[in-house]
Amino acid sequence: MRNYRRFTPEFKARLVLDVLTGVQSQAEACRKHSLSPTLLAAWKAAFLERAHTVFQSDETRSAEQARIAALERVLGRLTLENEVLKKASTRLASTSTGNEI
């Protein structure tokens, strides 16, 4: 079984910035750190895709975090309701067959 290397977000950001600013070429970075060019290209694409979020106001981020928290609460409530309904349906099924618990 192969152990995969794990890279910190800081390492990825520094490496992508080095490539984007021309400090080193993508090929040099890949050789130096024994990385696949495809992997570095994926990091670069993810970096560029999310770069606009750096300039979002704290207010926007707070609103997004509040929305996520609300959705997580709803998900938790629905999960709990689902478990209760599963138990109830199991009990109803066993009583209808005469095997009361």
N, C-alpha and C. Protein backbone atom coordinates (compact mmCIF):
# COMPACT_ATOMS: atom_id res chain seq x y z
N MET A 1 0.84 -1.18 0.00
CA MET A 1 0.00 0.00 0.00
C MET A 1 0.89 1.24 0.00
N ARG A 2 0.60 2.16 -0.90
CA ARG A 2 1.42 3.35 -1.05
C ARG A 2 0.99 4.45 -0.09
N ASN A 3 1.95 5.05 0.57
CA ASN A 3 1.68 6.20 1.43
C ASN A 3 1.78 7.46 0.59
N TYR A 4 0.72 8.24 0.58
CA TYR A 4 0.71 9.47 -0.18
C TYR A 4 1.26 10.62 0.67
N ARG A 5 1.98 11.50 0.02
CA ARG A 5 2.48 12.67 0.72
C ARG A 5 1.34 13.65 0.91
N ARG A 6 1.39 14.37 1.99
CA ARG A 6 0.38 15.40 2.27
C ARG A 6 1.09 16.74 2.26
N PHE A 7 0.47 17.69 1.58
CA PHE A 7 1.04 19.03 1.47
C PHE A 7 0.14 20.02 2.19
N THR A 8 0.74 20.93 2.91
CA THR A 8 -0.04 21.94 3.63
C THR A 8 -0.60 22.96 2.65
N PRO A 9 -1.69 23.60 3.03
CA PRO A 9 -2.23 24.66 2.17
C PRO A 9 -1.20 25.78 1.97
N GLU A 10 -0.39 26.05 2.97
CA GLU A 10 0.63 27.10 2.86
C GLU A 10 1.66 26.75 1.80
N PHE A 11 2.08 25.48 1.79
CA PHE A 11 3.05 25.02 0.80
C PHE A 11 2.48 25.15 -0.61
N LYS A 12 1.23 24.71 -0.77
CA LYS A 12 0.60 24.76 -2.08
C LYS A 12 0.49 26.21 -2.57
N ALA A 13 0.05 27.10 -1.67
CA ALA A 13 -0.11 28.51 -2.05
C ALA A 13 1.23 29.13 -2.42
N ARG A 14 2.27 28.84 -1.63
CA ARG A 14 3.59 29.40 -1.92
C ARG A 14 4.10 28.92 -3.27
N LEU A 15 3.94 27.62 -3.52
CA LEU A 15 4.42 27.04 -4.78
C LEU A 15 3.66 27.61 -5.97
N VAL A 16 2.35 27.72 -5.86
CA VAL A 16 1.54 28.28 -6.95
C VAL A 16 1.92 29.74 -7.19
N LEU A 17 2.09 30.50 -6.12
CA LEU A 17 2.49 31.90 -6.28
C LEU A 17 3.86 32.03 -6.93
N ASP A 18 4.79 31.15 -6.56
CA ASP A 18 6.11 31.15 -7.20
C ASP A 18 5.99 30.92 -8.70
N VAL A 19 5.12 30.00 -9.09
CA VAL A 19 4.93 29.70 -10.51
C VAL A 19 4.25 30.87 -11.21
N LEU A 20 3.20 31.42 -10.59
CA LEU A 20 2.46 32.52 -11.22
C LEU A 20 3.28 33.80 -11.35
N THR A 21 4.15 34.05 -10.38
CA THR A 21 4.96 35.28 -10.42
C THR A 21 6.24 35.11 -11.21
N GLY A 22 6.54 33.91 -11.64
CA GLY A 22 7.71 33.67 -12.46
C GLY A 22 8.98 33.41 -11.67
N VAL A 23 8.87 33.21 -10.36
CA VAL A 23 10.05 32.89 -9.56
C VAL A 23 10.67 31.59 -10.06
N GLN A 24 9.82 30.65 -10.40
CA GLN A 24 10.27 29.40 -11.02
C GLN A 24 9.20 28.91 -11.98
N SER A 25 9.64 28.15 -12.95
CA SER A 25 8.67 27.64 -13.92
C SER A 25 7.94 26.45 -13.30
N GLN A 26 6.85 26.08 -13.93
CA GLN A 26 6.08 24.94 -13.44
C GLN A 26 6.93 23.67 -13.51
N ALA A 27 7.69 23.52 -14.57
CA ALA A 27 8.54 22.33 -14.72
C ALA A 27 9.60 22.29 -13.62
N GLU A 28 10.21 23.44 -13.32
CA GLU A 28 11.22 23.49 -12.26
C GLU A 28 10.62 23.12 -10.91
N ALA A 29 9.45 23.66 -10.62
CA ALA A 29 8.79 23.38 -9.35
C ALA A 29 8.46 21.89 -9.22
N CYS A 30 7.99 21.32 -10.31
CA CYS A 30 7.65 19.89 -10.29
C CYS A 30 8.88 19.03 -10.07
N ARG A 31 9.97 19.36 -10.76
CA ARG A 31 11.22 18.60 -10.58
C ARG A 31 11.75 18.75 -9.16
N LYS A 32 11.78 19.98 -8.67
CA LYS A 32 12.35 20.27 -7.36
C LYS A 32 11.61 19.53 -6.24
N HIS A 33 10.29 19.44 -6.35
CA HIS A 33 9.49 18.84 -5.28
C HIS A 33 8.93 17.46 -5.65
N SER A 34 9.38 16.91 -6.77
CA SER A 34 8.92 15.59 -7.25
C SER A 34 7.40 15.53 -7.33
N LEU A 35 6.82 16.50 -8.03
CA LEU A 35 5.38 16.57 -8.19
C LEU A 35 5.00 16.28 -9.63
N SER A 36 3.79 15.80 -9.79
CA SER A 36 3.24 15.60 -11.12
C SER A 36 2.82 16.97 -11.67
N PRO A 37 3.10 17.24 -12.94
CA PRO A 37 2.63 18.50 -13.52
C PRO A 37 1.11 18.64 -13.45
N THR A 38 0.41 17.54 -13.53
CA THR A 38 -1.05 17.56 -13.44
C THR A 38 -1.51 18.02 -12.05
N LEU A 39 -0.81 17.54 -11.02
CA LEU A 39 -1.15 17.93 -9.66
C LEU A 39 -0.93 19.42 -9.45
N LEU A 40 0.21 19.93 -9.88
CA LEU A 40 0.49 21.36 -9.73
C LEU A 40 -0.50 22.19 -10.55
N ALA A 41 -0.87 21.72 -11.71
CA ALA A 41 -1.86 22.43 -12.53
C ALA A 41 -3.21 22.47 -11.81
N ALA A 42 -3.57 21.39 -11.13
CA ALA A 42 -4.83 21.36 -10.38
C ALA A 42 -4.79 22.34 -9.21
N TRP A 43 -3.67 22.41 -8.52
CA TRP A 43 -3.52 23.37 -7.43
C TRP A 43 -3.64 24.80 -7.95
N LYS A 44 -3.00 25.04 -9.09
CA LYS A 44 -3.02 26.37 -9.69
C LYS A 44 -4.45 26.75 -10.10
N ALA A 45 -5.17 25.83 -10.69
CA ALA A 45 -6.55 26.09 -11.11
C ALA A 45 -7.44 26.36 -9.90
N ALA A 46 -7.27 25.58 -8.84
CA ALA A 46 -8.06 25.78 -7.62
C ALA A 46 -7.75 27.13 -6.99
N PHE A 47 -6.48 27.49 -6.99
CA PHE A 47 -6.04 28.77 -6.45
C PHE A 47 -6.69 29.93 -7.21
N LEU A 48 -6.62 29.87 -8.52
CA LEU A 48 -7.17 30.94 -9.34
C LEU A 48 -8.70 30.99 -9.26
N GLU A 49 -9.32 29.83 -9.13
CA GLU A 49 -10.78 29.76 -9.04
C GLU A 49 -11.29 30.41 -7.76
N ARG A 50 -10.53 30.27 -6.68
CA ARG A 50 -10.98 30.78 -5.38
C ARG A 50 -10.34 32.10 -4.98
N ALA A 51 -9.51 32.66 -5.83
CA ALA A 51 -8.78 33.88 -5.49
C ALA A 51 -9.72 35.05 -5.18
N HIS A 52 -10.85 35.11 -5.85
CA HIS A 52 -11.78 36.23 -5.63
C HIS A 52 -12.34 36.26 -4.21
N THR A 53 -12.34 35.12 -3.52
CA THR A 53 -12.89 35.09 -2.16
C THR A 53 -12.01 35.85 -1.17
N VAL A 54 -10.75 36.07 -1.52
CA VAL A 54 -9.86 36.83 -0.64
C VAL A 54 -10.39 38.24 -0.46
N PHE A 55 -11.03 38.78 -1.46
CA PHE A 55 -11.48 40.16 -1.43
C PHE A 55 -12.94 40.32 -1.01
N GLN A 56 -13.58 39.23 -0.60
CA GLN A 56 -14.94 39.34 -0.09
C GLN A 56 -14.91 40.04 1.26
N SER A 57 -15.93 40.79 1.52
CA SER A 57 -15.99 41.47 2.81
C SER A 57 -16.28 40.45 3.91
N ASP A 58 -15.92 40.82 5.11
CA ASP A 58 -16.19 39.95 6.25
C ASP A 58 -17.69 39.76 6.42
N GLU A 59 -18.45 40.77 6.03
CA GLU A 59 -19.90 40.70 6.12
C GLU A 59 -20.45 39.58 5.23
N THR A 60 -19.91 39.48 4.02
CA THR A 60 -20.34 38.44 3.09
C THR A 60 -19.99 37.07 3.62
N ARG A 61 -18.76 36.95 4.14
CA ARG A 61 -18.34 35.67 4.70
C ARG A 61 -19.19 35.28 5.90
N SER A 62 -19.53 36.26 6.74
CA SER A 62 -20.35 35.99 7.92
C SER A 62 -21.74 35.51 7.49
N ALA A 63 -22.29 36.12 6.47
CA ALA A 63 -23.60 35.71 5.98
C ALA A 63 -23.55 34.28 5.44
N GLU A 64 -22.46 33.97 4.73
CA GLU A 64 -22.32 32.60 4.21
C GLU A 64 -22.17 31.60 5.35
N GLN A 65 -21.39 31.94 6.36
CA GLN A 65 -21.20 31.05 7.51
C GLN A 65 -22.51 30.86 8.26
N ALA A 66 -23.31 31.92 8.40
CA ALA A 66 -24.61 31.81 9.07
C ALA A 66 -25.53 30.89 8.29
N ARG A 67 -25.51 31.01 6.97
CA ARG A 67 -26.35 30.15 6.12
C ARG A 67 -25.93 28.69 6.25
N ILE A 68 -24.63 28.45 6.27
CA ILE A 68 -24.12 27.08 6.43
C ILE A 68 -24.54 26.52 7.78
N ALA A 69 -24.43 27.33 8.84
CA ALA A 69 -24.82 26.87 10.18
C ALA A 69 -26.31 26.53 10.22
N ALA A 70 -27.13 27.36 9.59
CA ALA A 70 -28.58 27.09 9.56
C ALA A 70 -28.88 25.80 8.82
N LEU A 71 -28.21 25.59 7.70
CA LEU A 71 -28.42 24.36 6.94
C LEU A 71 -27.95 23.13 7.71
N GLU A 72 -26.87 23.27 8.45
CA GLU A 72 -26.39 22.15 9.27
C GLU A 72 -27.38 21.82 10.37
N ARG A 73 -28.01 22.83 10.96
CA ARG A 73 -29.03 22.58 11.99
C ARG A 73 -30.22 21.84 11.39
N VAL A 74 -30.65 22.27 10.20
CA VAL A 74 -31.77 21.60 9.53
C VAL A 74 -31.41 20.15 9.22
N LEU A 75 -30.21 19.95 8.73
CA LEU A 75 -29.76 18.59 8.42
C LEU A 75 -29.75 17.72 9.68
N GLY A 76 -29.28 18.26 10.78
CA GLY A 76 -29.27 17.51 12.03
C GLY A 76 -30.67 17.13 12.49
N ARG A 77 -31.60 18.09 12.39
CA ARG A 77 -32.98 17.83 12.79
C ARG A 77 -33.60 16.76 11.91
N LEU A 78 -33.38 16.85 10.61
CA LEU A 78 -33.95 15.86 9.68
C LEU A 78 -33.34 14.47 9.90
N THR A 79 -32.06 14.43 10.21
CA THR A 79 -31.41 13.16 10.49
C THR A 79 -32.03 12.51 11.73
N LEU A 80 -32.25 13.31 12.77
CA LEU A 80 -32.87 12.81 13.99
C LEU A 80 -34.28 12.31 13.71
N GLU A 81 -35.06 13.08 12.96
CA GLU A 81 -36.42 12.66 12.61
C GLU A 81 -36.40 11.36 11.82
N ASN A 82 -35.45 11.22 10.92
CA ASN A 82 -35.33 10.01 10.12
C ASN A 82 -35.07 8.80 11.00
N GLU A 83 -34.19 8.95 11.99
CA GLU A 83 -33.90 7.84 12.90
C GLU A 83 -35.13 7.45 13.71
N VAL A 84 -35.87 8.45 14.18
CA VAL A 84 -37.09 8.18 14.95
C VAL A 84 -38.10 7.44 14.08
N LEU A 85 -38.26 7.88 12.86
CA LEU A 85 -39.21 7.22 11.95
C LEU A 85 -38.79 5.80 11.62
N LYS A 86 -37.50 5.56 11.48
CA LYS A 86 -37.02 4.20 11.22
C LYS A 86 -37.37 3.29 12.39
N LYS A 87 -37.14 3.77 13.61
CA LYS A 87 -37.46 2.96 14.79
C LYS A 87 -38.96 2.71 14.88
N ALA A 88 -39.75 3.72 14.61
CA ALA A 88 -41.21 3.57 14.68
C ALA A 88 -41.70 2.57 13.64
N SER A 89 -41.16 2.65 12.43
CA SER A 89 -41.60 1.73 11.39
C SER A 89 -41.18 0.29 11.71
N THR A 90 -40.05 0.12 12.36
CA THR A 90 -39.60 -1.22 12.77
C THR A 90 -40.55 -1.79 13.80
N ARG A 91 -40.94 -0.95 14.76
CA ARG A 91 -41.88 -1.41 15.79
C ARG A 91 -43.24 -1.73 15.20
N LEU A 92 -43.72 -0.89 14.29
CA LEU A 92 -45.02 -1.15 13.66
C LEU A 92 -44.99 -2.43 12.85
N ALA A 93 -43.89 -2.68 12.17
CA ALA A 93 -43.77 -3.89 11.38
C ALA A 93 -43.76 -5.13 12.25
N SER A 94 -43.10 -5.03 13.41
CA SER A 94 -43.03 -6.20 14.29
C SER A 94 -44.37 -6.45 15.00
N THR A 95 -45.13 -5.39 15.31
CA THR A 95 -46.43 -5.59 15.96
C THR A 95 -47.47 -6.11 14.97
N SER A 96 -47.33 -5.75 13.71
CA SER A 96 -48.32 -6.22 12.72
C SER A 96 -48.12 -7.70 12.42
N THR A 97 -46.93 -8.23 12.69
CA THR A 97 -46.67 -9.65 12.45
C THR A 97 -46.89 -10.46 13.72
N GLY A 98 -47.21 -9.78 14.82
CA GLY A 98 -47.48 -10.48 16.07
C GLY A 98 -46.22 -10.67 16.93
N ASN A 99 -45.12 -10.10 16.54
CA ASN A 99 -43.89 -10.21 17.32
C ASN A 99 -43.64 -8.92 18.09
N GLU A 100 -44.44 -8.66 19.09
CA GLU A 100 -44.28 -7.41 19.83
C GLU A 100 -42.98 -7.41 20.59
N ILE A 101 -42.43 -6.22 20.69
CA ILE A 101 -41.14 -6.05 21.38
C ILE A 101 -41.37 -5.75 22.83
